[in-house]
Amino acid sequence: MQHKLNEASFAGTLNTPLLGTVTMYEWHLYILRTRHGTLYTGIATDVARRLLEHTGSRTRGAKYLRSRMPLKLAYQTKIGDQALALRAERQIKRLPRQRKEDIVTASPDSEQLLTMLGIVPTA
């Protein structure tokens, strides 16, 4: 199944000697609120598509969310490359609930979020 490219997530191409031309995507970090009020953190290149997968797919959505519908997008920010997005996601998942709520309430941009998490992007 092919998905249409989300132009907002497309960051260009990179030519590498080993792999040739590689398409680069901007990754987003998102936090969903479930019907029970729990918070779920994830990353995606296309948050709208990923939310549809969580809500409408029995095979592509997270198992944790299947019995916790409906979902509400509580926070999202464009974070950069996949490695940085994974680091931020891992840090947020380790936070206590109140710190996650603080992130949702503050709605920081990506630079502020990384500072809050103590993550220094590598160049």
PDB file of N, CA and C in Angstrom:
ATOM      1  N   MET A   1       0.836  -1.165   0.000  1.00  0.00           N
ATOM      2  CA  MET A   1       0.000   0.000   0.000  1.00  0.00           C
ATOM      3  C   MET A   1       0.889   1.239   0.000  1.00  0.00           C
ATOM      4  N   GLN A   2       0.696   2.118  -0.951  1.00  0.00           N
ATOM      5  CA  GLN A   2       1.482   3.332  -1.030  1.00  0.00           C
ATOM      6  C   GLN A   2       0.697   4.496  -0.467  1.00  0.00           C
ATOM      7  N   HIS A   3       1.424   5.396   0.201  1.00  0.00           N
ATOM      8  CA  HIS A   3       0.808   6.599   0.729  1.00  0.00           C
ATOM      9  C   HIS A   3       1.316   7.789  -0.059  1.00  0.00           C
ATOM     10  N   LYS A   4       0.433   8.751  -0.269  1.00  0.00           N
ATOM     11  CA  LYS A   4       0.819   9.972  -0.943  1.00  0.00           C
ATOM     12  C   LYS A   4       1.800  10.737  -0.050  1.00  0.00           C
ATOM     13  N   LEU A   5       2.822  11.301  -0.624  1.00  0.00           N
ATOM     14  CA  LEU A   5       3.830  12.032   0.119  1.00  0.00           C
ATOM     15  C   LEU A   5       3.230  13.277   0.744  1.00  0.00           C
ATOM     16  N   ASN A   6       3.420  13.438   2.018  1.00  0.00           N
ATOM     17  CA  ASN A   6       2.989  14.637   2.718  1.00  0.00           C
ATOM     18  C   ASN A   6       4.074  15.682   2.517  1.00  0.00           C
ATOM     19  N   GLU A   7       3.788  16.707   1.715  1.00  0.00           N
ATOM     20  CA  GLU A   7       4.810  17.691   1.368  1.00  0.00           C
ATOM     21  C   GLU A   7       5.359  18.415   2.578  1.00  0.00           C
ATOM     22  N   ALA A   8       4.566  18.562   3.634  1.00  0.00           N
ATOM     23  CA  ALA A   8       5.040  19.242   4.834  1.00  0.00           C
ATOM     24  C   ALA A   8       6.144  18.440   5.525  1.00  0.00           C
ATOM     25  N   SER A   9       6.165  17.128   5.311  1.00  0.00           N
ATOM     26  CA  SER A   9       7.153  16.280   5.954  1.00  0.00           C
ATOM     27  C   SER A   9       8.393  16.056   5.102  1.00  0.00           C
ATOM     28  N   PHE A  10       8.340  16.438   3.860  1.00  0.00           N
ATOM     29  CA  PHE A  10       9.440  16.198   2.943  1.00  0.00           C
ATOM     30  C   PHE A  10      10.528  17.237   3.164  1.00  0.00           C
ATOM     31  N   ALA A  11      11.751  16.789   3.379  1.00  0.00           N
ATOM     32  CA  ALA A  11      12.850  17.712   3.665  1.00  0.00           C
ATOM     33  C   ALA A  11      13.897  17.748   2.560  1.00  0.00           C
ATOM     34  N   GLY A  12      13.699  17.009   1.485  1.00  0.00           N
ATOM     35  CA  GLY A  12      14.651  17.041   0.385  1.00  0.00           C
ATOM     36  C   GLY A  12      15.324  15.705   0.159  1.00  0.00           C
ATOM     37  N   THR A  13      16.382  15.735  -0.629  1.00  0.00           N
ATOM     38  CA  THR A  13      17.121  14.514  -0.922  1.00  0.00           C
ATOM     39  C   THR A  13      18.577  14.702  -0.548  1.00  0.00           C
ATOM     40  N   LEU A  14      19.252  13.602  -0.359  1.00  0.00           N
ATOM     41  CA  LEU A  14      20.657  13.593  -0.001  1.00  0.00           C
ATOM     42  C   LEU A  14      21.345  12.597  -0.910  1.00  0.00           C
ATOM     43  N   ASN A  15      22.418  13.023  -1.570  1.00  0.00           N
ATOM     44  CA  ASN A  15      23.190  12.108  -2.411  1.00  0.00           C
ATOM     45  C   ASN A  15      24.335  11.535  -1.598  1.00  0.00           C
ATOM     46  N   THR A  16      24.381  10.212  -1.522  1.00  0.00           N
ATOM     47  CA  THR A  16      25.453   9.552  -0.779  1.00  0.00           C
ATOM     48  C   THR A  16      26.183   8.603  -1.713  1.00  0.00           C
ATOM     49  N   PRO A  17      27.491   8.459  -1.534  1.00  0.00           N
ATOM     50  CA  PRO A  17      28.250   7.560  -2.402  1.00  0.00           C
ATOM     51  C   PRO A  17      27.817   6.104  -2.272  1.00  0.00           C
ATOM     52  N   LEU A  18      27.445   5.695  -1.077  1.00  0.00           N
ATOM     53  CA  LEU A  18      27.102   4.303  -0.833  1.00  0.00           C
ATOM     54  C   LEU A  18      25.664   3.966  -1.232  1.00  0.00           C
ATOM     55  N   LEU A  19      24.716   4.853  -0.894  1.00  0.00           N
ATOM     56  CA  LEU A  19      23.303   4.561  -1.124  1.00  0.00           C
ATOM     57  C   LEU A  19      22.711   5.258  -2.336  1.00  0.00           C
ATOM     58  N   GLY A  20      23.414   6.207  -2.902  1.00  0.00           N
ATOM     59  CA  GLY A  20      22.855   6.987  -4.003  1.00  0.00           C
ATOM     60  C   GLY A  20      21.982   8.093  -3.443  1.00  0.00           C
ATOM     61  N   THR A  21      20.882   8.382  -4.122  1.00  0.00           N
ATOM     62  CA  THR A  21      19.985   9.440  -3.677  1.00  0.00           C
ATOM     63  C   THR A  21      19.012   8.897  -2.639  1.00  0.00           C
ATOM     64  N   VAL A  22      18.968   9.552  -1.485  1.00  0.00           N
ATOM     65  CA  VAL A  22      18.114   9.139  -0.383  1.00  0.00           C
ATOM     66  C   VAL A  22      17.139  10.272  -0.089  1.00  0.00           C
ATOM     67  N   THR A  23      15.859   9.943   0.011  1.00  0.00           N
ATOM     68  CA  THR A  23      14.849  10.947   0.341  1.00  0.00           C
ATOM     69  C   THR A  23      14.868  11.176   1.849  1.00  0.00           C
ATOM     70  N   MET A  24      14.915  12.445   2.243  1.00  0.00           N
ATOM     71  CA  MET A  24      14.954  12.810   3.661  1.00  0.00           C
ATOM     72  C   MET A  24      13.573  13.308   4.084  1.00  0.00           C
ATOM     73  N   TYR A  25      13.116  12.888   5.237  1.00  0.00           N
ATOM     74  CA  TYR A  25      11.827  13.316   5.769  1.00  0.00           C
ATOM     75  C   TYR A  25      12.026  14.000   7.101  1.00  0.00           C
ATOM     76  N   GLU A  26      11.145  14.938   7.389  1.00  0.00           N
ATOM     77  CA  GLU A  26      11.132  15.582   8.695  1.00  0.00           C
ATOM     78  C   GLU A  26      10.227  14.745   9.595  1.00  0.00           C
ATOM     79  N   TRP A  27      10.698  14.443  10.771  1.00  0.00           N
ATOM     80  CA  TRP A  27       9.942  13.640  11.717  1.00  0.00           C
ATOM     81  C   TRP A  27       9.257  14.535  12.734  1.00  0.00           C
ATOM     82  N   HIS A  28       8.080  14.105  13.155  1.00  0.00           N
ATOM     83  CA  HIS A  28       7.284  14.825  14.136  1.00  0.00           C
ATOM     84  C   HIS A  28       7.129  13.945  15.371  1.00  0.00           C
ATOM     85  N   LEU A  29       7.092  14.581  16.517  1.00  0.00           N
ATOM     86  CA  LEU A  29       6.770  13.906  17.757  1.00  0.00           C
ATOM     87  C   LEU A  29       5.347  14.324  18.115  1.00  0.00           C
ATOM     88  N   TYR A  30       4.533  13.374  18.554  1.00  0.00           N
ATOM     89  CA  TYR A  30       3.154  13.696  18.908  1.00  0.00           C
ATOM     90  C   TYR A  30       2.767  13.015  20.209  1.00  0.00           C
ATOM     91  N   ILE A  31       1.800  13.610  20.897  1.00  0.00           N
ATOM     92  CA  ILE A  31       1.240  13.028  22.109  1.00  0.00           C
ATOM     93  C   ILE A  31      -0.276  12.967  21.923  1.00  0.00           C
ATOM     94  N   LEU A  32      -0.832  11.780  22.114  1.00  0.00           N
ATOM     95  CA  LEU A  32      -2.274  11.574  22.020  1.00  0.00           C
ATOM     96  C   LEU A  32      -2.857  11.408  23.416  1.00  0.00           C
ATOM     97  N   ARG A  33      -4.077  11.903  23.604  1.00  0.00           N
ATOM     98  CA  ARG A  33      -4.809  11.684  24.850  1.00  0.00           C
ATOM     99  C   ARG A  33      -5.922  10.685  24.541  1.00  0.00           C
ATOM    100  N   THR A  34      -6.027   9.636  25.366  1.00  0.00           N
ATOM    101  CA  THR A  34      -7.050   8.612  25.169  1.00  0.00           C
ATOM    102  C   THR A  34      -8.324   8.988  25.910  1.00  0.00           C
ATOM    103  N   ARG A  35      -9.362   8.205  25.711  1.00  0.00           N
ATOM    104  CA  ARG A  35     -10.640   8.487  26.384  1.00  0.00           C
ATOM    105  C   ARG A  35     -10.513   8.377  27.900  1.00  0.00           C
ATOM    106  N   HIS A  36      -9.514   7.624  28.365  1.00  0.00           N
ATOM    107  CA  HIS A  36      -9.280   7.474  29.799  1.00  0.00           C
ATOM    108  C   HIS A  36      -8.384   8.577  30.348  1.00  0.00           C
ATOM    109  N   GLY A  37      -7.878   9.429  29.451  1.00  0.00           N
ATOM    110  CA  GLY A  37      -7.003  10.511  29.878  1.00  0.00           C
ATOM    111  C   GLY A  37      -5.524  10.157  29.880  1.00  0.00           C
ATOM    112  N   THR A  38      -5.189   8.914  29.528  1.00  0.00           N
ATOM    113  CA  THR A  38      -3.779   8.549  29.471  1.00  0.00           C
ATOM    114  C   THR A  38      -3.129   9.209  28.257  1.00  0.00           C
ATOM    115  N   LEU A  39      -1.814   9.349  28.311  1.00  0.00           N
ATOM    116  CA  LEU A  39      -1.069   9.986  27.232  1.00  0.00           C
ATOM    117  C   LEU A  39      -0.203   8.961  26.526  1.00  0.00           C
ATOM    118  N   TYR A  40      -0.227   8.993  25.208  1.00  0.00           N
ATOM    119  CA  TYR A  40       0.562   8.091  24.369  1.00  0.00           C
ATOM    120  C   TYR A  40       1.480   8.942  23.507  1.00  0.00           C
ATOM    121  N   THR A  41       2.765   8.634  23.512  1.00  0.00           N
ATOM    122  CA  THR A  41       3.750   9.384  22.737  1.00  0.00           C
ATOM    123  C   THR A  41       4.219   8.555  21.553  1.00  0.00           C
ATOM    124  N   GLY A  42       4.349   9.212  20.391  1.00  0.00           N
ATOM    125  CA  GLY A  42       4.838   8.526  19.204  1.00  0.00           C
ATOM    126  C   GLY A  42       5.546   9.497  18.275  1.00  0.00           C
ATOM    127  N   ILE A  43       6.117   8.949  17.204  1.00  0.00           N
ATOM    128  CA  ILE A  43       6.772   9.758  16.170  1.00  0.00           C
ATOM    129  C   ILE A  43       6.275   9.304  14.808  1.00  0.00           C
ATOM    130  N   ALA A  44       6.296  10.217  13.855  1.00  0.00           N
ATOM    131  CA  ALA A  44       5.850   9.895  12.495  1.00  0.00           C
ATOM    132  C   ALA A  44       6.312  10.987  11.548  1.00  0.00           C
ATOM    133  N   THR A  45       6.379  10.655  10.271  1.00  0.00           N
ATOM    134  CA  THR A  45       6.663  11.679   9.256  1.00  0.00           C
ATOM    135  C   THR A  45       5.376  12.374   8.846  1.00  0.00           C
ATOM    136  N   ASP A  46       4.256  11.728   9.067  1.00  0.00           N
ATOM    137  CA  ASP A  46       2.940  12.284   8.734  1.00  0.00           C
ATOM    138  C   ASP A  46       1.991  11.959   9.889  1.00  0.00           C
ATOM    139  N   VAL A  47       1.791  12.913  10.778  1.00  0.00           N
ATOM    140  CA  VAL A  47       1.004  12.678  11.987  1.00  0.00           C
ATOM    141  C   VAL A  47      -0.459  12.374  11.655  1.00  0.00           C
ATOM    142  N   ALA A  48      -1.029  13.074  10.691  1.00  0.00           N
ATOM    143  CA  ALA A  48      -2.427  12.833  10.323  1.00  0.00           C
ATOM    144  C   ALA A  48      -2.611  11.394   9.835  1.00  0.00           C
ATOM    145  N   ARG A  49      -1.705  10.910   8.990  1.00  0.00           N
ATOM    146  CA  ARG A  49      -1.774   9.531   8.503  1.00  0.00           C
ATOM    147  C   ARG A  49      -1.620   8.549   9.661  1.00  0.00           C
ATOM    148  N   ARG A  50      -0.685   8.832  10.564  1.00  0.00           N
ATOM    149  CA  ARG A  50      -0.440   7.928  11.684  1.00  0.00           C
ATOM    150  C   ARG A  50      -1.649   7.870  12.615  1.00  0.00           C
ATOM    151  N   LEU A  51      -2.291   9.006  12.842  1.00  0.00           N
ATOM    152  CA  LEU A  51      -3.492   9.033  13.673  1.00  0.00           C
ATOM    153  C   LEU A  51      -4.606   8.199  13.037  1.00  0.00           C
ATOM    154  N   LEU A  52      -4.737   8.285  11.711  1.00  0.00           N
ATOM    155  CA  LEU A  52      -5.716   7.450  11.017  1.00  0.00           C
ATOM    156  C   LEU A  52      -5.381   5.969  11.166  1.00  0.00           C
ATOM    157  N   GLU A  53      -4.108   5.641  11.128  1.00  0.00           N
ATOM    158  CA  GLU A  53      -3.702   4.247  11.326  1.00  0.00           C
ATOM    159  C   GLU A  53      -4.052   3.781  12.732  1.00  0.00           C
ATOM    160  N   HIS A  54      -3.826   4.635  13.714  1.00  0.00           N
ATOM    161  CA  HIS A  54      -4.165   4.273  15.100  1.00  0.00           C
ATOM    162  C   HIS A  54      -5.667   4.060  15.264  1.00  0.00           C
ATOM    163  N   THR A  55      -6.472   4.901  14.634  1.00  0.00           N
ATOM    164  CA  THR A  55      -7.920   4.839  14.847  1.00  0.00           C
ATOM    165  C   THR A  55      -8.643   3.873  13.918  1.00  0.00           C
ATOM    166  N   GLY A  56      -8.074   3.618  12.737  1.00  0.00           N
ATOM    167  CA  GLY A  56      -8.825   2.832  11.777  1.00  0.00           C
ATOM    168  C   GLY A  56      -8.232   1.515  11.348  1.00  0.00           C
ATOM    169  N   SER A  57      -7.058   1.183  11.826  1.00  0.00           N
ATOM    170  CA  SER A  57      -6.402  -0.033  11.356  1.00  0.00           C
ATOM    171  C   SER A  57      -6.172  -0.997  12.509  1.00  0.00           C
ATOM    172  N   ARG A  58      -6.540  -2.223  12.299  1.00  0.00           N
ATOM    173  CA  ARG A  58      -6.309  -3.257  13.312  1.00  0.00           C
ATOM    174  C   ARG A  58      -4.871  -3.788  13.260  1.00  0.00           C
ATOM    175  N   THR A  59      -4.172  -3.511  12.180  1.00  0.00           N
ATOM    176  CA  THR A  59      -2.831  -4.062  12.045  1.00  0.00           C
ATOM    177  C   THR A  59      -1.729  -3.015  12.123  1.00  0.00           C
ATOM    178  N   ARG A  60      -2.026  -1.758  11.784  1.00  0.00           N
ATOM    179  CA  ARG A  60      -0.978  -0.742  11.728  1.00  0.00           C
ATOM    180  C   ARG A  60      -0.952   0.179  12.951  1.00  0.00           C
ATOM    181  N   GLY A  61      -2.032   0.228  13.696  1.00  0.00           N
ATOM    182  CA  GLY A  61      -2.097   1.078  14.876  1.00  0.00           C
ATOM    183  C   GLY A  61      -1.494   0.388  16.090  1.00  0.00           C
ATOM    184  N   ALA A  62      -1.146   1.176  17.098  1.00  0.00           N
ATOM    185  CA  ALA A  62      -0.569   0.625  18.326  1.00  0.00           C
ATOM    186  C   ALA A  62      -1.625  -0.185  19.088  1.00  0.00           C
ATOM    187  N   LYS A  63      -1.247  -1.370  19.537  1.00  0.00           N
ATOM    188  CA  LYS A  63      -2.173  -2.228  20.287  1.00  0.00           C
ATOM    189  C   LYS A  63      -2.671  -1.528  21.553  1.00  0.00           C
ATOM    190  N   TYR A  64      -1.790  -0.772  22.190  1.00  0.00           N
ATOM    191  CA  TYR A  64      -2.152  -0.070  23.418  1.00  0.00           C
ATOM    192  C   TYR A  64      -3.375   0.819  23.230  1.00  0.00           C
ATOM    193  N   LEU A  65      -3.515   1.405  22.044  1.00  0.00           N
ATOM    194  CA  LEU A  65      -4.573   2.378  21.804  1.00  0.00           C
ATOM    195  C   LEU A  65      -5.904   1.766  21.372  1.00  0.00           C
ATOM    196  N   ARG A  66      -5.914   0.528  20.970  1.00  0.00           N
ATOM    197  CA  ARG A  66      -7.116  -0.072  20.380  1.00  0.00           C
ATOM    198  C   ARG A  66      -8.329  -0.044  21.293  1.00  0.00           C
ATOM    199  N   SER A  67      -8.135  -0.229  22.579  1.00  0.00           N
ATOM    200  CA  SER A  67      -9.273  -0.239  23.495  1.00  0.00           C
ATOM    201  C   SER A  67      -9.452   1.094  24.207  1.00  0.00           C
ATOM    202  N   ARG A  68      -8.739   2.109  23.739  1.00  0.00           N
ATOM    203  CA  ARG A  68      -8.768   3.399  24.417  1.00  0.00           C
ATOM    204  C   ARG A  68      -9.287   4.534  23.541  1.00  0.00           C
ATOM    205  N   MET A  69     -10.083   4.205  22.543  1.00  0.00           N
ATOM    206  CA  MET A  69     -10.665   5.205  21.651  1.00  0.00           C
ATOM    207  C   MET A  69     -11.758   5.971  22.385  1.00  0.00           C
ATOM    208  N   PRO A  70     -12.080   7.180  21.997  1.00  0.00           N
ATOM    209  CA  PRO A  70     -11.459   7.954  20.932  1.00  0.00           C
ATOM    210  C   PRO A  70     -10.154   8.597  21.398  1.00  0.00           C
ATOM    211  N   LEU A  71      -9.377   8.993  20.408  1.00  0.00           N
ATOM    212  CA  LEU A  71      -8.086   9.626  20.658  1.00  0.00           C
ATOM    213  C   LEU A  71      -8.160  11.097  20.290  1.00  0.00           C
ATOM    214  N   LYS A  72      -7.389  11.899  20.999  1.00  0.00           N
ATOM    215  CA  LYS A  72      -7.316  13.319  20.700  1.00  0.00           C
ATOM    216  C   LYS A  72      -5.848  13.705  20.601  1.00  0.00           C
ATOM    217  N   LEU A  73      -5.498  14.416  19.541  1.00  0.00           N
ATOM    218  CA  LEU A  73      -4.130  14.893  19.395  1.00  0.00           C
ATOM    219  C   LEU A  73      -3.917  16.024  20.392  1.00  0.00           C
ATOM    220  N   ALA A  74      -3.066  15.793  21.390  1.00  0.00           N
ATOM    221  CA  ALA A  74      -2.854  16.772  22.452  1.00  0.00           C
ATOM    222  C   ALA A  74      -1.672  17.678  22.155  1.00  0.00           C
ATOM    223  N   TYR A  75      -0.680  17.171  21.395  1.00  0.00           N
ATOM    224  CA  TYR A  75       0.542  17.945  21.134  1.00  0.00           C
ATOM    225  C   TYR A  75       1.267  17.343  19.943  1.00  0.00           C
ATOM    226  N   GLN A  76       1.881  18.211  19.164  1.00  0.00           N
ATOM    227  CA  GLN A  76       2.780  17.744  18.114  1.00  0.00           C
ATOM    228  C   GLN A  76       3.781  18.839  17.785  1.00  0.00           C
ATOM    229  N   THR A  77       4.972  18.417  17.365  1.00  0.00           N
ATOM    230  CA  THR A  77       5.985  19.360  16.914  1.00  0.00           C
ATOM    231  C   THR A  77       6.893  18.672  15.909  1.00  0.00           C
ATOM    232  N   LYS A  78       7.352  19.434  14.942  1.00  0.00           N
ATOM    233  CA  LYS A  78       8.327  18.920  13.977  1.00  0.00           C
ATOM    234  C   LYS A  78       9.659  18.854  14.712  1.00  0.00           C
ATOM    235  N   ILE A  79      10.294  17.679  14.706  1.00  0.00           N
ATOM    236  CA  ILE A  79      11.460  17.474  15.563  1.00  0.00           C
ATOM    237  C   ILE A  79      12.772  17.381  14.788  1.00  0.00           C
ATOM    238  N   GLY A  80      12.738  17.000  13.525  1.00  0.00           N
ATOM    239  CA  GLY A  80      13.980  16.876  12.749  1.00  0.00           C
ATOM    240  C   GLY A  80      14.122  15.494  12.158  1.00  0.00           C
ATOM    241  N   ASP A  81      15.320  14.934  12.292  1.00  0.00           N
ATOM    242  CA  ASP A  81      15.561  13.614  11.698  1.00  0.00           C
ATOM    243  C   ASP A  81      15.049  12.490  12.611  1.00  0.00           C
ATOM    244  N   GLN A  82      15.053  11.286  12.080  1.00  0.00           N
ATOM    245  CA  GLN A  82      14.483  10.146  12.794  1.00  0.00           C
ATOM    246  C   GLN A  82      15.240   9.841  14.084  1.00  0.00           C
ATOM    247  N   ALA A  83      16.555   9.929  14.057  1.00  0.00           N
ATOM    248  CA  ALA A  83      17.348   9.617  15.252  1.00  0.00           C
ATOM    249  C   ALA A  83      16.999  10.567  16.397  1.00  0.00           C
ATOM    250  N   LEU A  84      16.873  11.838  16.086  1.00  0.00           N
ATOM    251  CA  LEU A  84      16.528  12.831  17.104  1.00  0.00           C
ATOM    252  C   LEU A  84      15.104  12.601  17.613  1.00  0.00           C
ATOM    253  N   ALA A  85      14.194  12.271  16.707  1.00  0.00           N
ATOM    254  CA  ALA A  85      12.806  11.995  17.091  1.00  0.00           C
ATOM    255  C   ALA A  85      12.735  10.784  18.024  1.00  0.00           C
ATOM    256  N   LEU A  86      13.500   9.746  17.731  1.00  0.00           N
ATOM    257  CA  LEU A  86      13.516   8.554  18.582  1.00  0.00           C
ATOM    258  C   LEU A  86      14.060   8.872  19.970  1.00  0.00           C
ATOM    259  N   ARG A  87      15.102   9.688  20.035  1.00  0.00           N
ATOM    260  CA  ARG A  87      15.664  10.079  21.338  1.00  0.00           C
ATOM    261  C   ARG A  87      14.636  10.850  22.163  1.00  0.00           C
ATOM    262  N   ALA A  88      13.956  11.799  21.527  1.00  0.00           N
ATOM    263  CA  ALA A  88      12.952  12.602  22.231  1.00  0.00           C
ATOM    264  C   ALA A  88      11.785  11.724  22.682  1.00  0.00           C
ATOM    265  N   GLU A  89      11.322  10.829  21.808  1.00  0.00           N
ATOM    266  CA  GLU A  89      10.222   9.928  22.160  1.00  0.00           C
ATOM    267  C   GLU A  89      10.591   9.073  23.370  1.00  0.00           C
ATOM    268  N   ARG A  90      11.779   8.518  23.357  1.00  0.00           N
ATOM    269  CA  ARG A  90      12.229   7.668  24.461  1.00  0.00           C
ATOM    270  C   ARG A  90      12.276   8.458  25.776  1.00  0.00           C
ATOM    271  N   GLN A  91      12.784   9.688  25.707  1.00  0.00           N
ATOM    272  CA  GLN A  91      12.860  10.524  26.906  1.00  0.00           C
ATOM    273  C   GLN A  91      11.469  10.830  27.457  1.00  0.00           C
ATOM    274  N   ILE A  92      10.538  11.184  26.575  1.00  0.00           N
ATOM    275  CA  ILE A  92       9.189  11.523  27.022  1.00  0.00           C
ATOM    276  C   ILE A  92       8.490  10.304  27.618  1.00  0.00           C
ATOM    277  N   LYS A  93       8.667   9.144  27.006  1.00  0.00           N
ATOM    278  CA  LYS A  93       8.023   7.937  27.528  1.00  0.00           C
ATOM    279  C   LYS A  93       8.511   7.589  28.933  1.00  0.00           C
ATOM    280  N   ARG A  94       9.713   8.038  29.284  1.00  0.00           N
ATOM    281  CA  ARG A  94      10.266   7.770  30.613  1.00  0.00           C
ATOM    282  C   ARG A  94       9.818   8.796  31.663  1.00  0.00           C
ATOM    283  N   LEU A  95       9.190   9.870  31.231  1.00  0.00           N
ATOM    284  CA  LEU A  95       8.778  10.926  32.157  1.00  0.00           C
ATOM    285  C   LEU A  95       7.550  10.523  32.963  1.00  0.00           C
ATOM    286  N   PRO A  96       7.435  11.068  34.176  1.00  0.00           N
ATOM    287  CA  PRO A  96       6.183  10.861  34.912  1.00  0.00           C
ATOM    288  C   PRO A  96       5.044  11.613  34.225  1.00  0.00           C
ATOM    289  N   ARG A  97       3.843  11.190  34.498  1.00  0.00           N
ATOM    290  CA  ARG A  97       2.665  11.763  33.838  1.00  0.00           C
ATOM    291  C   ARG A  97       2.611  13.285  33.946  1.00  0.00           C
ATOM    292  N   GLN A  98       2.906  13.844  35.112  1.00  0.00           N
ATOM    293  CA  GLN A  98       2.791  15.292  35.289  1.00  0.00           C
ATOM    294  C   GLN A  98       3.741  16.046  34.359  1.00  0.00           C
ATOM    295  N   ARG A  99       4.935  15.529  34.150  1.00  0.00           N
ATOM    296  CA  ARG A  99       5.878  16.185  33.228  1.00  0.00           C
ATOM    297  C   ARG A  99       5.355  16.130  31.795  1.00  0.00           C
ATOM    298  N   LYS A 100       4.698  15.027  31.427  1.00  0.00           N
ATOM    299  CA  LYS A 100       4.091  14.935  30.095  1.00  0.00           C
ATOM    300  C   LYS A 100       2.955  15.949  29.968  1.00  0.00           C
ATOM    301  N   GLU A 101       2.156  16.071  31.027  1.00  0.00           N
ATOM    302  CA  GLU A 101       1.078  17.061  31.026  1.00  0.00           C
ATOM    303  C   GLU A 101       1.652  18.474  30.895  1.00  0.00           C
ATOM    304  N   ASP A 102       2.789  18.728  31.537  1.00  0.00           N
ATOM    305  CA  ASP A 102       3.446  20.032  31.440  1.00  0.00           C
ATOM    306  C   ASP A 102       3.850  20.333  30.001  1.00  0.00           C
ATOM    307  N   ILE A 103       4.326  19.313  29.285  1.00  0.00           N
ATOM    308  CA  ILE A 103       4.698  19.489  27.881  1.00  0.00           C
ATOM    309  C   ILE A 103       3.463  19.824  27.054  1.00  0.00           C
ATOM    310  N   VAL A 104       2.389  19.095  27.276  1.00  0.00           N
ATOM    311  CA  VAL A 104       1.152  19.348  26.530  1.00  0.00           C
ATOM    312  C   VAL A 104       0.661  20.767  26.805  1.00  0.00           C
ATOM    313  N   THR A 105       0.675  21.183  28.057  1.00  0.00           N
ATOM    314  CA  THR A 105       0.196  22.511  28.439  1.00  0.00           C
ATOM    315  C   THR A 105       1.083  23.614  27.861  1.00  0.00           C
ATOM    316  N   ALA A 106       2.398  23.441  27.953  1.00  0.00           N
ATOM    317  CA  ALA A 106       3.329  24.467  27.473  1.00  0.00           C
ATOM    318  C   ALA A 106       3.383  24.521  25.948  1.00  0.00           C
ATOM    319  N   SER A 107       3.121  23.398  25.295  1.00  0.00           N
ATOM    320  CA  SER A 107       3.172  23.282  23.841  1.00  0.00           C
ATOM    321  C   SER A 107       4.448  23.909  23.258  1.00  0.00           C
ATOM    322  N   PRO A 108       5.613  23.428  23.703  1.00  0.00           N
ATOM    323  CA  PRO A 108       6.874  24.023  23.264  1.00  0.00           C
ATOM    324  C   PRO A 108       7.187  23.706  21.805  1.00  0.00           C
ATOM    325  N   ASP A 109       7.950  24.604  21.154  1.00  0.00           N
ATOM    326  CA  ASP A 109       8.435  24.267  19.821  1.00  0.00           C
ATOM    327  C   ASP A 109       9.540  23.222  19.996  1.00  0.00           C
ATOM    328  N   SER A 110      10.063  22.706  18.900  1.00  0.00           N
ATOM    329  CA  SER A 110      11.007  21.593  18.996  1.00  0.00           C
ATOM    330  C   SER A 110      12.271  21.962  19.769  1.00  0.00           C
ATOM    331  N   GLU A 111      12.779  23.162  19.571  1.00  0.00           N
ATOM    332  CA  GLU A 111      13.994  23.577  20.275  1.00  0.00           C
ATOM    333  C   GLU A 111      13.751  23.640  21.789  1.00  0.00           C
ATOM    334  N   GLN A 112      12.619  24.216  22.182  1.00  0.00           N
ATOM    335  CA  GLN A 112      12.274  24.292  23.600  1.00  0.00           C
ATOM    336  C   GLN A 112      12.071  22.893  24.186  1.00  0.00           C
ATOM    337  N   LEU A 113      11.423  22.017  23.417  1.00  0.00           N
ATOM    338  CA  LEU A 113      11.180  20.658  23.888  1.00  0.00           C
ATOM    339  C   LEU A 113      12.498  19.933  24.134  1.00  0.00           C
ATOM    340  N   LEU A 114      13.406  20.019  23.172  1.00  0.00           N
ATOM    341  CA  LEU A 114      14.694  19.340  23.328  1.00  0.00           C
ATOM    342  C   LEU A 114      15.449  19.874  24.542  1.00  0.00           C
ATOM    343  N   THR A 115      15.356  21.176  24.783  1.00  0.00           N
ATOM    344  CA  THR A 115      15.987  21.765  25.964  1.00  0.00           C
ATOM    345  C   THR A 115      15.346  21.221  27.238  1.00  0.00           C
ATOM    346  N   MET A 116      14.017  21.145  27.261  1.00  0.00           N
ATOM    347  CA  MET A 116      13.299  20.598  28.422  1.00  0.00           C
ATOM    348  C   MET A 116      13.723  19.163  28.704  1.00  0.00           C
ATOM    349  N   LEU A 117      14.004  18.425  27.645  1.00  0.00           N
ATOM    350  CA  LEU A 117      14.375  16.999  27.786  1.00  0.00           C
ATOM    351  C   LEU A 117      15.874  16.802  28.001  1.00  0.00           C
ATOM    352  N   GLY A 118      16.649  17.879  27.873  1.00  0.00           N
ATOM    353  CA  GLY A 118      18.100  17.762  28.045  1.00  0.00           C
ATOM    354  C   GLY A 118      18.787  17.095  26.870  1.00  0.00           C
ATOM    355  N   ILE A 119      18.199  17.223  25.691  1.00  0.00           N
ATOM    356  CA  ILE A 119      18.766  16.608  24.489  1.00  0.00           C
ATOM    357  C   ILE A 119      19.480  17.676  23.677  1.00  0.00           C
ATOM    358  N   VAL A 120      20.737  17.386  23.332  1.00  0.00           N
ATOM    359  CA  VAL A 120      21.512  18.276  22.488  1.00  0.00           C
ATOM    360  C   VAL A 120      21.570  17.633  21.105  1.00  0.00           C
ATOM    361  N   PRO A 121      21.001  18.286  20.078  1.00  0.00           N
ATOM    362  CA  PRO A 121      21.040  17.704  18.732  1.00  0.00           C
ATOM    363  C   PRO A 121      22.488  17.585  18.247  1.00  0.00           C
ATOM    364  N   THR A 122      22.793  16.462  17.606  1.00  0.00           N
ATOM    365  CA  THR A 122      24.123  16.275  17.022  1.00  0.00           C
ATOM    366  C   THR A 122      24.133  16.857  15.626  1.00  0.00           C
ATOM    367  N   ALA A 123      25.248  17.434  15.259  1.00  0.00           N
ATOM    368  CA  ALA A 123      25.346  18.080  13.935  1.00  0.00           C
ATOM    369  C   ALA A 123      25.702  17.102  12.867  1.00  0.00           C
TER     370      ALA A 123
END
